[in-house]
N, C-alpha and C. Protein backbone atom coordinates (compact mmCIF):
# COMPACT_ATOMS: atom_id res chain seq x y z
N MET A 1 12.83 84.20 47.41
CA MET A 1 11.49 83.59 47.30
C MET A 1 12.10 82.05 46.71
N ASN A 2 11.54 81.16 47.40
CA ASN A 2 11.89 79.81 46.85
C ASN A 2 10.56 78.85 46.74
N ARG A 3 10.50 79.37 45.60
CA ARG A 3 8.59 78.49 45.57
C ARG A 3 8.67 77.74 44.12
N HIS A 4 8.31 76.73 44.15
CA HIS A 4 8.49 75.32 43.55
C HIS A 4 7.60 75.28 42.01
N TRP A 5 8.57 75.18 40.78
CA TRP A 5 7.56 75.05 39.65
C TRP A 5 8.86 74.15 39.05
N LYS A 6 8.25 73.46 37.92
CA LYS A 6 8.79 72.40 37.21
C LYS A 6 8.35 72.11 35.93
N ILE A 7 9.21 72.08 34.96
CA ILE A 7 8.95 71.70 33.58
C ILE A 7 8.34 69.84 33.60
N LEU A 8 7.27 69.61 33.20
CA LEU A 8 6.84 68.30 32.93
C LEU A 8 7.40 67.73 31.53
N GLU A 9 7.17 68.52 30.52
CA GLU A 9 7.34 68.08 29.05
C GLU A 9 7.42 69.58 28.30
N ARG A 10 8.33 69.18 27.43
CA ARG A 10 8.84 70.30 26.50
C ARG A 10 9.10 69.22 25.50
N LYS A 11 8.46 70.10 24.14
CA LYS A 11 8.74 69.05 22.76
C LYS A 11 8.33 70.12 21.99
N LEU A 12 9.58 70.13 20.91
CA LEU A 12 9.69 70.87 19.73
C LEU A 12 8.90 70.55 18.78
N VAL A 13 7.65 71.59 18.22
CA VAL A 13 6.56 71.37 17.60
C VAL A 13 6.94 71.92 15.97
N TYR A 14 7.78 73.18 16.16
CA TYR A 14 7.90 73.78 14.91
C TYR A 14 9.29 74.46 14.77
N GLN A 15 9.74 74.31 13.81
CA GLN A 15 11.65 74.40 13.68
C GLN A 15 11.59 75.12 12.49
N GLY A 16 11.84 76.59 12.24
CA GLY A 16 12.16 77.21 11.32
C GLY A 16 12.99 78.50 11.33
N PHE A 17 12.83 79.45 10.98
CA PHE A 17 13.73 80.48 11.20
C PHE A 17 13.60 81.26 12.89
N PHE A 18 12.36 80.82 13.21
CA PHE A 18 11.94 80.72 14.54
C PHE A 18 11.32 79.72 15.27
N ASN A 19 11.63 78.88 16.43
CA ASN A 19 10.98 77.62 16.80
C ASN A 19 9.91 77.80 17.65
N ILE A 20 9.02 76.98 18.05
CA ILE A 20 8.15 76.68 18.77
C ILE A 20 8.12 75.53 19.61
N GLU A 21 8.16 75.66 21.12
CA GLU A 21 7.95 74.74 21.90
C GLU A 21 6.60 74.14 22.39
N LEU A 22 6.07 72.96 22.75
CA LEU A 22 5.00 72.77 23.56
C LEU A 22 5.24 72.41 24.51
N CYS A 23 5.13 73.02 25.93
CA CYS A 23 5.39 72.70 27.05
C CYS A 23 4.17 72.32 28.09
N HIS A 24 4.89 71.76 28.89
CA HIS A 24 3.63 71.29 30.04
C HIS A 24 4.48 71.76 31.51
N PHE A 25 3.77 72.59 32.27
CA PHE A 25 4.21 72.48 33.74
C PHE A 25 3.43 72.67 34.63
N GLU A 26 4.06 73.04 36.11
CA GLU A 26 3.36 73.12 36.93
C GLU A 26 3.98 74.27 38.00
N HIS A 27 3.25 74.86 38.81
CA HIS A 27 4.17 75.48 39.70
C HIS A 27 3.34 76.07 41.36
N GLU A 28 3.85 76.12 41.98
CA GLU A 28 3.07 76.09 43.34
C GLU A 28 2.27 77.78 43.38
N LEU A 29 1.00 77.61 43.98
CA LEU A 29 -0.01 78.48 44.34
C LEU A 29 0.14 79.44 45.22
N TYR A 30 -0.05 80.56 45.41
CA TYR A 30 -0.04 81.53 46.66
C TYR A 30 -1.05 81.35 47.67
N ALA A 31 -2.11 80.64 47.37
CA ALA A 31 -2.84 79.87 48.59
C ALA A 31 -2.25 78.44 48.95
N GLY A 32 -1.42 77.82 48.30
CA GLY A 32 -0.85 76.80 48.65
C GLY A 32 -1.34 75.58 47.68
N GLY A 33 -0.43 74.52 47.63
CA GLY A 33 -0.71 73.34 46.76
C GLY A 33 -0.22 73.97 45.44
N LYS A 34 -0.55 73.18 44.28
CA LYS A 34 -0.09 73.40 42.79
C LYS A 34 -1.15 73.43 42.29
N THR A 35 -0.77 73.74 40.68
CA THR A 35 -1.50 73.87 39.36
C THR A 35 -1.60 72.40 39.22
N SER A 36 -2.56 72.15 38.57
CA SER A 36 -2.68 70.96 37.86
C SER A 36 -1.57 71.21 36.27
N ALA A 37 -1.29 70.13 35.27
CA ALA A 37 -0.40 70.45 34.71
C ALA A 37 -0.92 71.83 33.29
N VAL A 38 -0.01 72.63 33.34
CA VAL A 38 -0.34 73.77 32.23
C VAL A 38 0.14 73.68 31.13
N GLU A 39 -0.72 73.90 30.02
CA GLU A 39 0.11 73.41 28.40
C GLU A 39 0.31 75.13 27.66
N ARG A 40 1.50 75.40 27.34
CA ARG A 40 1.31 76.40 26.81
C ARG A 40 2.55 76.44 25.45
N GLU A 41 2.25 76.96 24.60
CA GLU A 41 3.31 77.10 23.21
C GLU A 41 4.19 78.46 23.86
N LEU A 42 5.97 77.58 23.96
CA LEU A 42 6.62 78.92 23.87
C LEU A 42 7.44 79.29 22.63
N PHE A 43 7.53 80.50 22.45
CA PHE A 43 8.19 81.02 20.91
C PHE A 43 9.89 81.15 21.43
N SER A 44 10.74 80.49 20.59
CA SER A 44 12.04 80.53 21.09
C SER A 44 12.75 81.05 20.06
N ARG A 45 13.20 82.06 20.52
CA ARG A 45 14.37 82.94 19.28
C ARG A 45 15.48 83.12 19.66
N GLY A 46 15.85 82.77 21.22
CA GLY A 46 17.15 83.42 21.52
C GLY A 46 16.94 84.86 22.04
N ASN A 47 17.92 85.60 22.39
CA ASN A 47 18.08 86.99 22.90
C ASN A 47 18.45 87.87 22.22
N VAL A 48 18.28 89.09 22.35
CA VAL A 48 18.14 90.14 21.22
C VAL A 48 19.17 91.06 22.36
N ALA A 49 19.90 92.11 21.55
CA ALA A 49 20.64 93.07 21.90
C ALA A 49 20.63 94.40 20.82
N ALA A 50 20.82 95.54 21.51
CA ALA A 50 20.80 96.57 20.71
C ALA A 50 21.47 98.20 20.90
N VAL A 51 21.69 98.54 20.24
CA VAL A 51 22.66 99.83 20.56
C VAL A 51 22.04 101.12 20.06
N LEU A 52 22.46 102.06 20.98
CA LEU A 52 22.08 103.47 20.20
C LEU A 52 23.14 104.36 20.32
N PRO A 53 23.91 104.49 19.28
CA PRO A 53 25.06 105.40 18.99
C PRO A 53 24.73 106.86 18.89
N TYR A 54 25.47 107.39 19.89
CA TYR A 54 24.98 109.30 20.01
C TYR A 54 26.80 109.75 19.79
N ASP A 55 26.54 110.90 18.89
CA ASP A 55 27.94 111.33 18.72
C ASP A 55 28.05 112.58 19.47
N PRO A 56 28.45 113.39 20.61
CA PRO A 56 28.39 114.32 21.04
C PRO A 56 29.14 115.42 20.67
N THR A 57 29.84 115.31 19.53
CA THR A 57 30.36 116.36 18.93
C THR A 57 29.33 116.84 17.76
N HIS A 58 28.57 116.33 17.48
CA HIS A 58 27.28 116.39 16.39
C HIS A 58 26.40 116.36 17.04
N ASP A 59 26.05 116.11 17.97
CA ASP A 59 24.64 115.69 19.03
C ASP A 59 23.87 115.16 17.72
N SER A 60 24.01 113.97 17.66
CA SER A 60 23.44 113.27 16.60
C SER A 60 23.58 111.82 17.18
N VAL A 61 22.16 111.06 16.61
CA VAL A 61 22.56 109.25 16.70
C VAL A 61 22.30 108.98 15.44
N VAL A 62 22.65 107.60 15.77
CA VAL A 62 22.24 106.49 14.06
C VAL A 62 21.28 105.75 14.53
N LEU A 63 19.89 105.62 13.69
CA LEU A 63 18.83 104.64 13.75
C LEU A 63 18.71 104.28 12.14
N VAL A 64 18.25 103.24 12.17
CA VAL A 64 18.06 102.39 11.17
C VAL A 64 16.45 102.20 10.74
N GLU A 65 16.29 102.05 9.46
CA GLU A 65 14.84 101.88 8.91
C GLU A 65 14.89 100.92 7.99
N GLN A 66 13.93 99.59 8.53
CA GLN A 66 13.97 98.31 7.73
C GLN A 66 12.35 97.80 7.59
N PHE A 67 12.25 96.93 6.69
CA PHE A 67 10.66 96.16 6.50
C PHE A 67 10.40 95.38 7.60
N ARG A 68 9.69 95.45 8.51
CA ARG A 68 8.82 94.57 9.38
C ARG A 68 7.82 93.73 9.23
N LEU A 69 7.75 92.57 9.09
CA LEU A 69 6.44 92.05 8.44
C LEU A 69 5.59 91.74 9.98
N GLY A 70 5.98 92.26 10.86
CA GLY A 70 4.85 92.36 11.90
C GLY A 70 4.22 93.56 12.14
N ALA A 71 4.45 94.55 11.06
CA ALA A 71 4.13 95.81 11.17
C ALA A 71 3.15 96.05 10.12
N MET A 72 3.01 94.85 9.52
CA MET A 72 1.93 95.03 7.91
C MET A 72 0.65 95.78 8.60
N ASN A 73 -0.09 95.57 9.79
CA ASN A 73 -1.27 96.58 9.89
C ASN A 73 -1.06 98.14 10.20
N ARG A 74 0.22 98.56 10.25
CA ARG A 74 -0.03 99.72 10.50
C ARG A 74 0.17 100.38 8.81
N THR A 75 0.41 101.80 8.87
CA THR A 75 0.47 102.29 7.48
C THR A 75 1.02 101.78 6.56
N HIS A 76 2.37 101.50 7.16
CA HIS A 76 3.38 100.72 5.82
C HIS A 76 4.36 100.15 7.05
N PRO A 77 5.12 98.96 6.39
CA PRO A 77 5.70 97.82 7.60
C PRO A 77 7.59 98.47 7.55
N TRP A 78 7.47 99.51 7.33
CA TRP A 78 9.40 99.91 6.97
C TRP A 78 8.92 100.83 8.56
N LEU A 79 10.12 100.32 9.24
CA LEU A 79 10.03 100.93 10.77
C LEU A 79 11.60 101.65 11.27
N THR A 80 11.49 102.93 11.89
CA THR A 80 12.66 103.15 12.58
C THR A 80 13.12 102.83 13.56
N GLU A 81 14.51 102.32 13.85
CA GLU A 81 14.48 101.64 15.14
C GLU A 81 16.26 102.09 15.37
N VAL A 82 16.04 101.17 16.70
CA VAL A 82 18.11 101.04 16.81
C VAL A 82 18.28 100.27 16.59
N ILE A 83 19.78 100.10 16.16
CA ILE A 83 20.26 99.27 15.54
C ILE A 83 19.97 97.67 16.63
N ALA A 84 19.81 96.71 16.23
CA ALA A 84 19.33 95.65 17.17
C ALA A 84 19.72 94.04 16.11
N GLY A 85 19.73 93.22 17.01
CA GLY A 85 19.90 91.63 16.60
C GLY A 85 19.83 90.85 17.13
N MET A 86 19.75 89.51 16.47
CA MET A 86 19.51 88.29 17.44
C MET A 86 21.19 87.60 18.48
N VAL A 87 21.29 87.75 19.20
CA VAL A 87 22.47 87.25 20.09
C VAL A 87 22.75 85.61 19.53
N GLU A 88 23.80 85.16 18.67
CA GLU A 88 24.38 83.93 18.64
C GLU A 88 24.53 83.16 19.64
N PRO A 89 24.22 82.07 19.55
CA PRO A 89 24.76 81.02 20.68
C PRO A 89 26.13 81.28 21.14
N GLY A 90 27.04 81.39 22.14
CA GLY A 90 28.22 81.62 22.66
C GLY A 90 28.67 82.55 22.76
N GLU A 91 27.89 83.79 22.02
CA GLU A 91 28.11 85.29 21.80
C GLU A 91 27.59 85.94 23.10
N GLU A 92 28.53 86.76 23.43
CA GLU A 92 27.84 87.76 24.65
C GLU A 92 27.01 89.08 23.82
N PRO A 93 25.97 89.46 24.35
CA PRO A 93 25.21 90.49 23.97
C PRO A 93 26.18 91.56 23.46
N MET A 94 27.53 92.12 24.12
CA MET A 94 28.03 93.22 23.62
C MET A 94 29.12 93.12 22.75
N GLU A 95 29.41 91.45 22.48
CA GLU A 95 30.18 91.37 21.28
C GLU A 95 28.96 91.54 19.97
N MET A 96 27.69 90.98 19.94
CA MET A 96 26.71 90.75 19.03
C MET A 96 26.42 92.61 18.55
N VAL A 97 26.59 93.70 19.31
CA VAL A 97 26.08 94.76 18.84
C VAL A 97 27.61 95.56 18.46
N HIS A 98 28.57 95.38 18.63
CA HIS A 98 29.87 95.54 17.73
C HIS A 98 29.68 95.12 16.15
N ARG A 99 29.05 93.75 16.14
CA ARG A 99 28.90 93.37 15.28
C ARG A 99 28.05 93.51 14.18
N GLU A 100 27.01 93.82 14.79
CA GLU A 100 25.50 94.39 13.92
C GLU A 100 25.51 95.88 13.92
N ALA A 101 26.58 96.64 14.63
CA ALA A 101 26.52 97.85 14.44
C ALA A 101 27.07 97.90 12.98
N LYS A 102 28.26 97.20 13.01
CA LYS A 102 29.26 97.18 11.41
C LYS A 102 28.30 96.65 10.29
N GLU A 103 27.69 95.37 10.47
CA GLU A 103 26.47 94.77 9.72
C GLU A 103 25.62 96.05 9.00
N GLU A 104 24.92 96.62 9.63
CA GLU A 104 23.36 97.17 9.70
C GLU A 104 23.73 98.46 9.36
N ALA A 105 25.04 99.38 9.99
CA ALA A 105 25.38 100.67 9.76
C ALA A 105 26.75 101.05 9.56
N GLY A 106 27.45 100.41 9.20
CA GLY A 106 28.82 100.41 8.83
C GLY A 106 29.60 101.13 9.92
N LEU A 107 29.24 101.19 11.07
CA LEU A 107 29.90 102.16 12.61
C LEU A 107 30.89 100.81 13.24
N THR A 108 32.18 101.38 13.52
CA THR A 108 32.78 101.02 14.59
C THR A 108 32.51 101.91 15.71
N LEU A 109 31.66 101.03 16.89
CA LEU A 109 31.17 101.74 17.91
C LEU A 109 32.26 102.22 19.05
N GLY A 110 32.33 103.11 19.73
CA GLY A 110 33.30 103.24 21.16
C GLY A 110 32.05 102.50 22.22
N ASP A 111 33.09 102.84 23.02
CA ASP A 111 32.64 101.80 24.37
C ASP A 111 31.37 101.90 24.59
N LEU A 112 30.55 101.08 25.03
CA LEU A 112 29.28 100.53 25.54
C LEU A 112 29.03 100.93 27.16
N PHE A 113 27.90 101.33 27.04
CA PHE A 113 27.53 101.32 28.62
C PHE A 113 25.94 100.87 28.38
N PRO A 114 25.53 100.30 29.79
CA PRO A 114 24.16 99.41 29.55
C PRO A 114 23.07 100.59 29.82
N ILE A 115 22.03 100.39 29.00
CA ILE A 115 20.63 101.17 29.15
C ILE A 115 19.97 100.66 29.85
N ALA A 116 19.24 99.12 29.36
CA ALA A 116 18.40 98.24 30.17
C ALA A 116 18.51 97.07 29.72
N ASN A 117 17.76 96.44 30.50
CA ASN A 117 17.97 94.83 30.47
C ASN A 117 16.61 93.98 30.68
N TYR A 118 15.85 93.87 29.83
CA TYR A 118 14.26 93.21 30.45
C TYR A 118 13.96 92.22 29.81
N LEU A 119 12.84 91.24 29.99
CA LEU A 119 12.19 90.14 29.18
C LEU A 119 10.81 91.01 28.52
N ALA A 120 11.28 90.49 26.96
CA ALA A 120 10.41 91.04 25.92
C ALA A 120 8.97 90.65 26.59
N SER A 121 8.57 89.61 26.62
CA SER A 121 6.99 89.13 27.00
C SER A 121 7.43 87.72 27.30
N PRO A 122 7.32 87.53 28.76
CA PRO A 122 7.67 86.35 29.32
C PRO A 122 6.42 85.24 29.48
N GLY A 123 5.53 85.91 29.15
CA GLY A 123 4.23 85.08 29.04
C GLY A 123 4.15 84.00 27.96
N ASN A 124 5.18 84.40 26.96
CA ASN A 124 5.22 83.25 25.63
C ASN A 124 6.68 82.97 25.20
N THR A 125 7.60 83.65 25.64
CA THR A 125 8.98 83.50 25.05
C THR A 125 10.00 83.60 26.05
N THR A 126 11.22 83.00 26.05
CA THR A 126 12.22 83.58 27.01
C THR A 126 13.15 84.61 26.34
N GLU A 127 12.99 85.29 25.56
CA GLU A 127 13.74 86.04 25.04
C GLU A 127 14.22 87.38 26.10
N GLU A 128 15.24 87.61 26.23
CA GLU A 128 15.83 88.63 26.99
C GLU A 128 16.23 89.71 26.05
N VAL A 129 16.23 91.21 26.52
CA VAL A 129 16.71 92.26 25.69
C VAL A 129 17.67 92.71 26.41
N PHE A 130 18.87 93.29 25.68
CA PHE A 130 19.79 94.00 26.11
C PHE A 130 20.18 95.05 25.52
N ILE A 131 19.82 96.58 26.08
CA ILE A 131 20.06 97.70 25.34
C ILE A 131 21.51 98.30 25.57
N TYR A 132 22.24 99.00 24.97
CA TYR A 132 23.23 99.69 25.11
C TYR A 132 23.39 101.22 24.69
N GLY A 133 23.92 101.95 25.13
CA GLY A 133 24.34 102.85 24.25
C GLY A 133 26.17 103.13 23.94
N SER A 134 26.23 103.97 23.12
CA SER A 134 27.52 104.09 22.67
C SER A 134 28.14 105.53 22.44
N LEU A 135 29.37 106.01 23.06
CA LEU A 135 29.55 107.70 22.32
C LEU A 135 30.29 107.08 21.45
N THR A 136 30.03 107.52 20.03
CA THR A 136 30.54 107.30 18.86
C THR A 136 30.71 108.12 17.88
N ASP A 137 32.02 108.21 17.55
CA ASP A 137 32.27 109.32 16.21
C ASP A 137 30.92 108.94 15.03
N LEU A 138 30.34 109.35 14.37
CA LEU A 138 29.17 109.32 13.79
C LEU A 138 29.69 110.29 12.72
N SER A 139 30.98 110.55 12.13
CA SER A 139 30.79 111.37 11.23
C SER A 139 30.91 110.32 9.86
N GLY A 140 30.33 110.91 8.98
CA GLY A 140 30.18 110.40 7.52
C GLY A 140 29.24 109.04 7.32
N ALA A 141 28.26 108.97 8.68
CA ALA A 141 27.59 107.69 8.97
C ALA A 141 26.55 107.99 8.05
N GLY A 142 25.81 107.00 7.66
CA GLY A 142 24.46 106.65 6.34
C GLY A 142 24.55 105.93 5.50
N GLY A 143 23.68 105.85 4.75
CA GLY A 143 23.83 105.00 3.49
C GLY A 143 22.96 103.80 3.64
N HIS A 144 23.04 102.49 2.96
CA HIS A 144 22.25 101.17 2.66
C HIS A 144 23.23 99.89 3.13
N TYR A 145 22.93 99.41 4.13
CA TYR A 145 23.72 97.81 4.87
C TYR A 145 22.56 97.07 4.81
N GLY A 146 23.25 95.64 5.01
CA GLY A 146 22.44 94.75 5.66
C GLY A 146 23.10 93.53 4.66
N LEU A 147 23.14 92.26 5.59
CA LEU A 147 23.55 91.48 4.83
C LEU A 147 22.56 90.48 3.54
N ALA A 148 23.43 90.41 2.16
CA ALA A 148 22.35 90.08 1.20
C ALA A 148 22.16 88.70 1.28
N GLU A 149 22.86 87.71 2.45
CA GLU A 149 22.26 86.29 2.36
C GLU A 149 21.18 86.14 3.46
N GLU A 150 21.16 87.39 4.17
CA GLU A 150 19.85 87.48 4.95
C GLU A 150 18.35 88.10 4.56
N ASN A 151 18.60 88.55 2.98
CA ASN A 151 17.76 89.63 2.64
C ASN A 151 17.60 91.14 3.30
N GLU A 152 18.50 91.06 3.81
CA GLU A 152 18.14 92.54 4.77
C GLU A 152 18.99 93.87 3.76
N ASP A 153 17.92 95.02 3.47
CA ASP A 153 18.03 96.21 3.31
C ASP A 153 17.48 97.08 4.24
N ILE A 154 18.74 97.88 4.81
CA ILE A 154 18.63 98.70 5.94
C ILE A 154 19.24 100.13 5.51
N ARG A 155 18.24 101.01 5.76
CA ARG A 155 18.71 102.46 5.25
C ARG A 155 18.86 103.42 6.87
N VAL A 156 20.44 103.76 6.81
CA VAL A 156 20.90 104.16 8.10
C VAL A 156 20.71 105.40 8.23
N LEU A 157 20.14 106.03 9.06
CA LEU A 157 19.53 107.81 9.25
C LEU A 157 20.42 108.21 10.32
N HIS A 158 21.38 109.27 10.29
CA HIS A 158 22.08 110.02 10.83
C HIS A 158 21.41 111.10 11.43
N VAL A 159 20.73 111.24 12.17
CA VAL A 159 19.96 112.51 12.34
C VAL A 159 20.44 113.17 13.88
N GLY A 160 19.91 114.24 14.35
CA GLY A 160 20.20 115.02 15.42
C GLY A 160 19.25 114.71 16.18
N ALA A 161 19.84 114.81 17.55
CA ALA A 161 19.43 114.42 18.69
C ALA A 161 17.84 114.86 18.67
N ASP A 162 17.92 116.19 18.57
CA ASP A 162 16.38 116.50 18.58
C ASP A 162 15.48 116.00 17.74
N GLU A 163 15.83 115.79 16.61
CA GLU A 163 14.92 114.93 15.55
C GLU A 163 14.87 113.66 16.11
N ALA A 164 15.35 113.02 16.57
CA ALA A 164 15.26 111.74 16.79
C ALA A 164 14.68 111.42 17.87
N ILE A 165 14.39 112.74 19.21
CA ILE A 165 13.53 112.55 20.06
C ILE A 165 12.07 112.99 19.87
N ALA A 166 11.73 114.04 18.84
CA ALA A 166 11.05 114.19 18.29
C ALA A 166 9.95 112.98 17.32
N MET A 167 10.82 111.76 16.99
CA MET A 167 10.52 110.65 16.51
C MET A 167 9.71 109.81 17.40
N LEU A 168 10.18 109.65 18.73
CA LEU A 168 9.99 109.26 19.68
C LEU A 168 8.32 109.86 20.16
N ASP A 169 8.72 111.06 20.13
CA ASP A 169 7.18 112.02 20.51
C ASP A 169 6.30 111.69 19.63
N ASN A 170 6.54 111.43 18.51
CA ASN A 170 5.40 111.65 17.39
C ASN A 170 4.82 110.33 17.19
N GLY A 171 5.47 109.09 17.55
CA GLY A 171 5.10 107.74 17.18
C GLY A 171 5.99 107.24 16.05
N THR A 172 6.53 107.75 15.46
CA THR A 172 7.70 107.48 14.16
C THR A 172 8.48 106.12 15.05
N ILE A 173 8.78 106.13 16.08
CA ILE A 173 9.79 104.98 16.68
C ILE A 173 8.74 104.59 17.74
N CYS A 174 8.50 103.15 17.05
CA CYS A 174 7.14 102.59 17.68
C CYS A 174 7.35 101.02 18.26
N ASN A 175 8.50 100.58 17.99
CA ASN A 175 8.78 99.44 18.40
C ASN A 175 9.19 99.42 20.06
N ALA A 176 9.18 98.48 20.88
CA ALA A 176 8.93 98.40 22.06
C ALA A 176 10.35 98.83 22.53
N LEU A 177 11.39 97.99 22.23
CA LEU A 177 12.98 97.75 22.51
C LEU A 177 13.50 99.72 21.78
N SER A 178 13.08 100.31 20.91
CA SER A 178 13.62 101.55 20.56
C SER A 178 13.01 102.57 21.39
N VAL A 179 11.82 102.24 21.81
CA VAL A 179 11.02 103.30 22.73
C VAL A 179 11.68 103.70 23.77
N ILE A 180 11.80 101.85 24.46
CA ILE A 180 12.85 102.37 25.87
C ILE A 180 14.22 102.58 25.52
N ALA A 181 15.08 102.62 24.41
CA ALA A 181 16.50 103.19 24.20
C ALA A 181 15.84 105.02 24.09
N MET A 182 14.95 104.89 23.15
CA MET A 182 15.03 106.55 23.31
C MET A 182 14.18 107.39 24.33
N GLN A 183 13.58 106.54 25.22
CA GLN A 183 13.13 107.18 26.21
C GLN A 183 13.76 107.50 27.31
N TRP A 184 15.29 106.42 27.22
CA TRP A 184 16.60 106.90 28.29
C TRP A 184 17.14 108.05 28.05
N PHE A 185 17.32 107.76 26.25
CA PHE A 185 18.05 108.92 25.50
C PHE A 185 17.59 110.35 26.14
N LYS A 186 16.03 110.64 26.08
CA LYS A 186 15.45 112.13 26.12
C LYS A 186 15.54 112.16 27.48
N ALA A 187 16.04 111.29 28.58
CA ALA A 187 15.97 111.54 29.92
C ALA A 187 17.16 111.97 30.08
N ASN A 188 18.26 111.54 29.91
CA ASN A 188 19.66 111.89 29.85
C ASN A 188 20.34 112.57 28.48
N ILE A 189 19.56 113.31 27.95
CA ILE A 189 20.09 114.10 26.53
C ILE A 189 21.45 115.41 27.33
N GLU A 190 20.51 116.31 27.91
CA GLU A 190 21.22 116.80 28.64
C GLU A 190 22.74 116.51 29.18
N SER A 191 22.80 115.28 30.17
CA SER A 191 23.97 115.03 30.62
C SER A 191 25.01 114.87 29.62
N LEU A 192 24.43 113.97 28.70
CA LEU A 192 25.40 113.66 27.63
C LEU A 192 25.88 114.86 26.41
N ARG A 193 24.94 115.94 26.43
CA ARG A 193 25.51 116.88 25.78
C ARG A 193 26.33 117.86 26.48
N SER A 194 26.02 117.86 27.99
CA SER A 194 27.33 118.66 29.05
C SER A 194 28.60 118.06 29.15
N GLY A 195 28.45 116.59 28.98
CA GLY A 195 29.88 115.99 29.32
C GLY A 195 29.92 115.10 30.58
N GLY A 196 28.45 115.61 31.07
CA GLY A 196 28.29 114.89 32.64
C GLY A 196 28.03 113.66 32.84
N PHE A 197 27.69 113.12 31.56
CA PHE A 197 27.48 111.67 31.28
C PHE A 197 28.71 110.87 31.39
N ALA A 198 29.04 109.82 32.13
CA ALA A 198 30.03 108.99 32.26
C ALA A 198 29.87 107.78 31.88
N ALA A 199 30.45 106.93 30.49
CA ALA A 199 29.90 105.94 30.04
C ALA A 199 30.42 104.95 31.09
């Protein structure tokens, strides 16, 4: 596919924890010709990576629970999620999940394998999400973690595989990234348990 598109203007209009850019662009039309200049705001936050650690010996996973402002309209804004964070400039997603697992859950991960890679909301952000799994010894996992300088307050949940799947099924796990990770886990749990899954 070789269709024409062009950024005509791109300007930073807000800079904070996240950035917002005002973009003007044009692109080729299916019927021929091109659009006039289209104006859109672009939410800029970089990419995200996540990991779901699974311990085949104990048939368990680690999830994390923390406050999420964007969930304020739910019963309460503490969400159960997989370990995730923002990829720093110059950092590879796989490097990031090793770092984040240590910061958020005190874990040293085993080898990583890919679960999914997708665009979070391409209508308004360039954010790309990388999700991994890891066969990891979770003996002794639990407690409270997070970086004080980032005001993180994270509770580590070491739960059985069936309990984690029930959290997916009953809506306790409700953010898109974690749902995708857990749907993969639910679909592949028997292979993971039998040792038939090769990381």
